[in-house]
C-alpha atoms as a PDB file:
ATOM      1  CA  MET A   1       7.580   3.780 -54.530  1.00  0.00           C
ATOM      2  CA  ARG A   2       5.359   6.893 -53.744  1.00  0.00           C
ATOM      3  CA  SER A   3       2.605   4.627 -52.157  1.00  0.00           C
ATOM      4  CA  ILE A   4       5.369   2.921 -49.844  1.00  0.00           C
ATOM      5  CA  LEU A   5       6.721   6.617 -48.734  1.00  0.00           C
ATOM      6  CA  TYR A   6       3.357   7.960 -48.391  1.00  0.00           C
ATOM      7  CA  SER A   7       2.414   5.034 -46.281  1.00  0.00           C
ATOM      8  CA  ILE A   8       5.374   5.703 -44.119  1.00  0.00           C
ATOM      9  CA  ASN A   9       4.747   9.291 -43.874  1.00  0.00           C
ATOM     10  CA  ILE A  10       1.266   8.346 -42.610  1.00  0.00           C
ATOM     11  CA  ARG A  11       2.578   5.788 -40.041  1.00  0.00           C
ATOM     12  CA  LEU A  12       5.268   8.412 -38.757  1.00  0.00           C
ATOM     13  CA  CYS A  13       2.853  10.992 -38.439  1.00  0.00           C
ATOM     14  CA  LEU A  14       0.285   8.969 -36.506  1.00  0.00           C
ATOM     15  CA  THR A  15       2.756   7.755 -34.354  1.00  0.00           C
ATOM     16  CA  SER A  16       4.256  10.894 -33.530  1.00  0.00           C
ATOM     17  CA  LYS A  17       0.642  12.472 -32.615  1.00  0.00           C
ATOM     18  CA  LEU A  18       0.523   9.156 -30.543  1.00  0.00           C
ATOM     19  CA  VAL A  19       3.375   9.897 -28.577  1.00  0.00           C
ATOM     20  CA  LYS A  20       3.188  13.637 -28.194  1.00  0.00           C
ATOM     21  CA  ARG A  21      -0.527  12.838 -26.878  1.00  0.00           C
ATOM     22  CA  PHE A  22       1.230  10.326 -24.757  1.00  0.00           C
ATOM     23  CA  HIS A  23       4.131  12.693 -23.310  1.00  0.00           C
ATOM     24  CA  SER A  24       1.824  15.499 -22.782  1.00  0.00           C
ATOM     25  CA  SER A  25      -0.933  13.688 -20.857  1.00  0.00           C
ATOM     26  CA  GLY A  26       0.128  13.632 -16.967  1.00  0.00           C
ATOM     27  CA  HIS A  27      -0.216  10.664 -14.859  1.00  0.00           C
ATOM     28  CA  ILE A  28      -3.786  10.649 -13.661  1.00  0.00           C
ATOM     29  CA  PRO A  29      -3.357  10.058  -9.327  1.00  0.00           C
ATOM     30  CA  PHE A  30      -5.435   6.803  -8.420  1.00  0.00           C
ATOM     31  CA  GLU A  31      -7.998   8.539  -6.521  1.00  0.00           C
ATOM     32  CA  LYS A  32      -9.110  10.376  -9.746  1.00  0.00           C
ATOM     33  CA  ARG A  33      -9.312   7.045 -11.837  1.00  0.00           C
ATOM     34  CA  VAL A  34     -11.053   5.049  -9.266  1.00  0.00           C
ATOM     35  CA  PRO A  35     -13.224   7.316  -7.074  1.00  0.00           C
ATOM     36  CA  GLN A  36     -13.156   6.092  -3.487  1.00  0.00           C
ATOM     37  CA  GLU A  37     -15.279   7.449  -0.762  1.00  0.00           C
ATOM     38  CA  CYS A  38     -14.039   6.428   2.449  1.00  0.00           C
ATOM     39  CA  ILE A  39     -16.723   4.878   4.899  1.00  0.00           C
ATOM     40  CA  ARG A  40     -16.989   4.481   8.656  1.00  0.00           C
ATOM     41  CA  LEU A  41     -17.687   1.346  10.343  1.00  0.00           C
ATOM     42  CA  SER A  42     -21.388   2.187  10.638  1.00  0.00           C
ATOM     43  CA  ASN A  43     -21.882   1.741   7.321  1.00  0.00           C
ATOM     44  CA  VAL A  44     -20.780  -1.902   7.151  1.00  0.00           C
ATOM     45  CA  PRO A  45     -23.422  -3.500   9.223  1.00  0.00           C
ATOM     46  CA  LEU A  46     -21.786  -7.106   9.117  1.00  0.00           C
ATOM     47  CA  LEU A  47     -18.765  -5.551  10.292  1.00  0.00           C
ATOM     48  CA  VAL A  48     -20.412  -3.673  13.097  1.00  0.00           C
ATOM     49  CA  SER A  49     -21.959  -6.507  14.655  1.00  0.00           C
ATOM     50  CA  ILE A  50     -18.716  -8.740  14.653  1.00  0.00           C
ATOM     51  CA  VAL A  51     -16.763  -5.798  16.546  1.00  0.00           C
ATOM     52  CA  LYS A  52     -19.670  -5.227  18.928  1.00  0.00           C
ATOM     53  CA  SER A  53     -18.870  -8.957  19.620  1.00  0.00           C
ATOM     54  CA  PHE A  54     -15.330  -8.654  20.493  1.00  0.00           C
ATOM     55  CA  SER A  55     -14.902  -4.753  21.531  1.00  0.00           C
ATOM     56  CA  LYS A  56     -15.075  -5.232  25.404  1.00  0.00           C
ATOM     57  CA  MET A  57     -12.056  -7.802  24.892  1.00  0.00           C
ATOM     58  CA  LYS A  58      -9.624  -5.335  22.803  1.00  0.00           C
ATOM     59  CA  PRO A  59      -8.030  -8.217  21.484  1.00  0.00           C
ATOM     60  CA  MET A  60      -6.261  -5.971  19.070  1.00  0.00           C
ATOM     61  CA  LYS A  61      -4.664  -3.760  21.944  1.00  0.00           C
ATOM     62  CA  ASP A  62      -1.221  -5.206  21.978  1.00  0.00           C
ATOM     63  CA  TYR A  63      -0.888  -5.470  17.889  1.00  0.00           C
ATOM     64  CA  THR A  64       1.411  -3.513  15.538  1.00  0.00           C
ATOM     65  CA  ILE A  65      -0.725  -3.678  12.443  1.00  0.00           C
ATOM     66  CA  SER A  66       0.918  -3.489   8.644  1.00  0.00           C
ATOM     67  CA  ASN A  67      -1.789  -2.841   6.197  1.00  0.00           C
ATOM     68  CA  ILE A  68       0.013  -3.718   2.875  1.00  0.00           C
ATOM     69  CA  GLN A  69      -3.484  -3.492   0.924  1.00  0.00           C
ATOM     70  CA  HIS A  70      -4.988  -0.693  -1.590  1.00  0.00           C
ATOM     71  CA  GLU A  71      -5.863   2.511   0.203  1.00  0.00           C
ATOM     72  CA  LEU A  72      -9.525   1.970  -1.245  1.00  0.00           C
ATOM     73  CA  GLY A  73     -12.427   3.637   0.833  1.00  0.00           C
ATOM     74  CA  ASP A  74     -13.755   0.829   2.495  1.00  0.00           C
ATOM     75  CA  ILE A  75     -10.357   0.289   4.295  1.00  0.00           C
ATOM     76  CA  SER A  76     -11.367   3.061   6.326  1.00  0.00           C
ATOM     77  CA  ALA A  77     -13.922   1.014   8.157  1.00  0.00           C
ATOM     78  CA  GLN A  78     -11.669  -1.690   8.527  1.00  0.00           C
ATOM     79  CA  VAL A  79      -9.279   0.542  10.291  1.00  0.00           C
ATOM     80  CA  GLU A  80     -11.917   2.021  12.429  1.00  0.00           C
ATOM     81  CA  ALA A  81     -12.945  -1.647  13.417  1.00  0.00           C
ATOM     82  CA  LEU A  82      -9.181  -2.494  14.330  1.00  0.00           C
ATOM     83  CA  ILE A  83      -8.849   0.630  16.552  1.00  0.00           C
ATOM     84  CA  VAL A  84     -12.666   0.184  18.298  1.00  0.00           C
ATOM     85  CA  LEU A  85     -11.106  -3.422  19.050  1.00  0.00           C
ATOM     86  CA  GLY A  86      -8.140  -1.943  20.647  1.00  0.00           C
ATOM     87  CA  ALA A  87      -5.305  -1.323  18.166  1.00  0.00           C
ATOM     88  CA  LEU A  88      -3.462   2.129  18.776  1.00  0.00           C
ATOM     89  CA  PRO A  89      -3.500   4.816  15.646  1.00  0.00           C
ATOM     90  CA  ASN A  90       0.167   4.927  16.410  1.00  0.00           C
ATOM     91  CA  ASP A  91       0.583   1.258  15.843  1.00  0.00           C
ATOM     92  CA  LEU A  92      -1.056   1.124  12.727  1.00  0.00           C
ATOM     93  CA  TYR A  93       1.175   1.438   9.406  1.00  0.00           C
ATOM     94  CA  PHE A  94       0.075   1.365   5.696  1.00  0.00           C
ATOM     95  CA  LEU A  95       1.988   0.606   2.400  1.00  0.00           C
ATOM     96  CA  PRO A  96      -0.078   0.646  -0.670  1.00  0.00           C
ATOM     97  CA  PRO A  97       0.562  -0.526  -4.293  1.00  0.00           C
ATOM     98  CA  SER A  98       2.315   2.640  -5.844  1.00  0.00           C
ATOM     99  CA  TYR A  99      -0.774   2.521  -8.106  1.00  0.00           C
ATOM    100  CA  SER A 100      -3.183   2.789  -5.673  1.00  0.00           C
ATOM    101  CA  HIS A 101      -1.869   5.452  -3.229  1.00  0.00           C
ATOM    102  CA  ASN A 102      -4.803   7.640  -2.335  1.00  0.00           C
ATOM    103  CA  LYS A 103      -4.089  11.006  -0.439  1.00  0.00           C
ATOM    104  CA  GLN A 104      -7.609  11.569   0.472  1.00  0.00           C
ATOM    105  CA  PHE A 105      -7.750   8.023   2.062  1.00  0.00           C
ATOM    106  CA  GLN A 106      -4.547   9.004   4.264  1.00  0.00           C
ATOM    107  CA  LEU A 107      -6.047  12.366   5.202  1.00  0.00           C
ATOM    108  CA  PHE A 108      -8.988  10.756   6.070  1.00  0.00           C
ATOM    109  CA  ILE A 109      -7.402   8.152   8.455  1.00  0.00           C
ATOM    110  CA  SER A 110      -5.112  10.831   9.840  1.00  0.00           C
ATOM    111  CA  LYS A 111      -7.814  13.189  10.599  1.00  0.00           C
ATOM    112  CA  HIS A 112     -10.543  10.826  12.201  1.00  0.00           C
ATOM    113  CA  PHE A 113      -8.492   8.307  13.543  1.00  0.00           C
ATOM    114  CA  ARG A 114      -5.523  10.144  14.649  1.00  0.00           C
ATOM    115  CA  VAL A 115      -3.104   7.762  12.379  1.00  0.00           C
ATOM    116  CA  PRO A 116       0.358   9.963  12.358  1.00  0.00           C
ATOM    117  CA  LYS A 117       0.973  10.631   9.037  1.00  0.00           C
ATOM    118  CA  GLU A 118       4.847   8.907   8.981  1.00  0.00           C
ATOM    119  CA  ASN A 119       2.747   5.733   9.280  1.00  0.00           C
ATOM    120  CA  PHE A 120       2.074   6.072   5.728  1.00  0.00           C
ATOM    121  CA  PHE A 121       4.386   4.836   3.659  1.00  0.00           C
ATOM    122  CA  GLU A 122       4.950   5.719   0.125  1.00  0.00           C
ATOM    123  CA  SER A 123       6.059   3.487  -2.605  1.00  0.00           C
ATOM    124  CA  SER A 124       8.521   4.622  -5.395  1.00  0.00           C
ATOM    125  CA  SER A 125       6.827   5.139  -8.631  1.00  0.00           C
ATOM    126  CA  TYR A 126       6.969   1.706 -10.772  1.00  0.00           C
ATOM    127  CA  ARG A 127       8.855   1.843 -14.004  1.00  0.00           C
ATOM    128  CA  LEU A 128       7.621  -0.302 -16.750  1.00  0.00           C
ATOM    129  CA  ARG A 129      11.473  -1.753 -17.527  1.00  0.00           C
ATOM    130  CA  TYR A 130      11.533  -2.879 -14.000  1.00  0.00           C
ATOM    131  CA  ASN A 131       9.946  -6.484 -13.240  1.00  0.00           C
ATOM    132  CA  TYR A 132       6.944  -5.393 -10.966  1.00  0.00           C
ATOM    133  CA  ASP A 133       7.051  -8.556  -8.542  1.00  0.00           C
ATOM    134  CA  LYS A 134      10.841  -7.626  -7.834  1.00  0.00           C
ATOM    135  CA  TYR A 135       9.852  -4.206  -7.471  1.00  0.00           C
ATOM    136  CA  ARG A 136       6.900  -4.433  -5.085  1.00  0.00           C
ATOM    137  CA  LEU A 137       8.976  -7.434  -2.832  1.00  0.00           C
ATOM    138  CA  LEU A 138      11.711  -4.578  -2.364  1.00  0.00           C
ATOM    139  CA  ASN A 139       9.352  -1.827  -1.560  1.00  0.00           C
ATOM    140  CA  VAL A 140       7.849  -4.191   0.999  1.00  0.00           C
ATOM    141  CA  ILE A 141      11.124  -4.737   2.413  1.00  0.00           C
ATOM    142  CA  PHE A 142      12.344  -1.623   2.633  1.00  0.00           C
ATOM    143  CA  HIS A 143       9.295  -0.318   4.293  1.00  0.00           C
ATOM    144  CA  LEU A 144       9.099  -3.356   6.502  1.00  0.00           C
ATOM    145  CA  ASN A 145      12.593  -2.522   7.877  1.00  0.00           C
ATOM    146  CA  LYS A 146      11.449   1.195   8.408  1.00  0.00           C
ATOM    147  CA  MET A 147       8.532  -0.030  10.233  1.00  0.00           C
ATOM    148  CA  VAL A 148      10.586  -2.381  12.617  1.00  0.00           C
ATOM    149  CA  GLN A 149      12.833   0.848  13.059  1.00  0.00           C
ATOM    150  CA  MET A 150       9.887   2.922  14.084  1.00  0.00           C
ATOM    151  CA  GLU A 151       8.876   0.132  16.433  1.00  0.00           C
ATOM    152  CA  LEU A 152      12.083   0.147  17.909  1.00  0.00           C
ATOM    153  CA  LEU A 153      11.959   3.216  18.977  1.00  0.00           C
ATOM    154  CA  LYS A 154       8.954   3.019  20.849  1.00  0.00           C
ATOM    155  CA  GLU A 155       8.975   2.695  24.709  1.00  0.00           C
ATOM    156  CA  ARG A 156       6.817  -0.535  25.581  1.00  0.00           C
ATOM    157  CA  ASN A 157       6.099  -2.194  28.632  1.00  0.00           C
ATOM    158  CA  LYS A 158       5.816  -5.488  26.710  1.00  0.00           C
ATOM    159  CA  GLU A 159       6.307  -6.487  23.092  1.00  0.00           C
ATOM    160  CA  ASN A 160       3.555  -6.347  20.327  1.00  0.00           C
ATOM    161  CA  ASN A 161       2.211  -8.793  18.462  1.00  0.00           C
ATOM    162  CA  LEU A 162       2.324  -8.164  14.346  1.00  0.00           C
ATOM    163  CA  LEU A 163      -0.584  -8.597  12.385  1.00  0.00           C
ATOM    164  CA  VAL A 164      -0.245  -8.252   8.614  1.00  0.00           C
ATOM    165  CA  LEU A 165      -3.099  -7.580   6.431  1.00  0.00           C
ATOM    166  CA  ASP A 166      -1.998  -8.187   3.082  1.00  0.00           C
ATOM    167  CA  ASP A 167      -3.627  -8.183  -0.313  1.00  0.00           C
ATOM    168  CA  GLY A 168      -1.006  -9.901  -2.526  1.00  0.00           C
ATOM    169  CA  GLY A 169       1.013 -12.177  -0.359  1.00  0.00           C
ATOM    170  CA  CYS A 170       4.166  -9.877  -0.441  1.00  0.00           C
ATOM    171  CA  PHE A 171       4.814 -10.000   3.291  1.00  0.00           C
ATOM    172  CA  SER A 172       5.255 -13.457   3.568  1.00  0.00           C
ATOM    173  CA  GLU A 173       7.495 -13.786   0.388  1.00  0.00           C
ATOM    174  CA  SER A 174       9.750 -10.606   1.942  1.00  0.00           C
ATOM    175  CA  LEU A 175       9.764 -12.581   5.103  1.00  0.00           C
ATOM    176  CA  SER A 176      10.880 -15.664   3.466  1.00  0.00           C
ATOM    177  CA  ILE A 177      13.812 -13.678   1.965  1.00  0.00           C
ATOM    178  CA  LEU A 178      14.964 -11.737   4.943  1.00  0.00           C
ATOM    179  CA  PHE A 179      15.357 -15.148   6.729  1.00  0.00           C
ATOM    180  CA  ASP A 180      17.532 -16.067   3.411  1.00  0.00           C
ATOM    181  CA  ILE A 181      19.653 -13.044   3.763  1.00  0.00           C
ATOM    182  CA  ASP A 182      22.247 -14.967   5.995  1.00  0.00           C
ATOM    183  CA  GLU A 183      22.759 -17.632   3.310  1.00  0.00           C
ATOM    184  CA  ASP A 184      23.409 -14.850   0.661  1.00  0.00           C
ATOM    185  CA  LYS A 185      20.369 -15.913  -1.140  1.00  0.00           C
ATOM    186  CA  LEU A 186      19.066 -12.449  -1.486  1.00  0.00           C
ATOM    187  CA  ASN A 187      21.790 -11.394  -4.066  1.00  0.00           C
ATOM    188  CA  ARG A 188      21.019 -14.666  -6.464  1.00  0.00           C
ATOM    189  CA  ILE A 189      17.397 -13.699  -6.332  1.00  0.00           C
ATOM    190  CA  LEU A 190      17.875 -10.289  -7.298  1.00  0.00           C
ATOM    191  CA  ASN A 191      20.091 -10.878  -9.929  1.00  0.00           C
END
């Protein structure tokens, strides 16, 4: 009996130490866990050669671009390439997954390419009790709607095309759900 109580006491002691350690350690931001240095277009020779081939045509000039991607350092070269190809900084939007939100990336993009700070959407914190796929999907739908509202406020001579750079297929799934809303399918999916 004593050995059982002793064993339970040790387990409780170890468990409580782990719980205290877990609760006392704060969230470690993505940029501290995965160091990311933002790079310029000139650091990616292959991309430079492609951009040079098309830069005079400005093929991205009539595009609104939604980046549903991780805010990793190499994406900054991609953003620079899009701007050299004619994209306007006001027409670039960013929605990273909540775990790869990177303030340094945002500051770099805002400073070097003049993308407005309001064009960087932040996902709400993910909680383990939620299904991640549904959480991410709802985040994309919510911010897609926000982006559309922002775009509708802009005065344009002609409508922009939409280019979506999506790491995980969230946009296409969100779009299909938005098409199904009229048929009341959204309520069945979320339940």
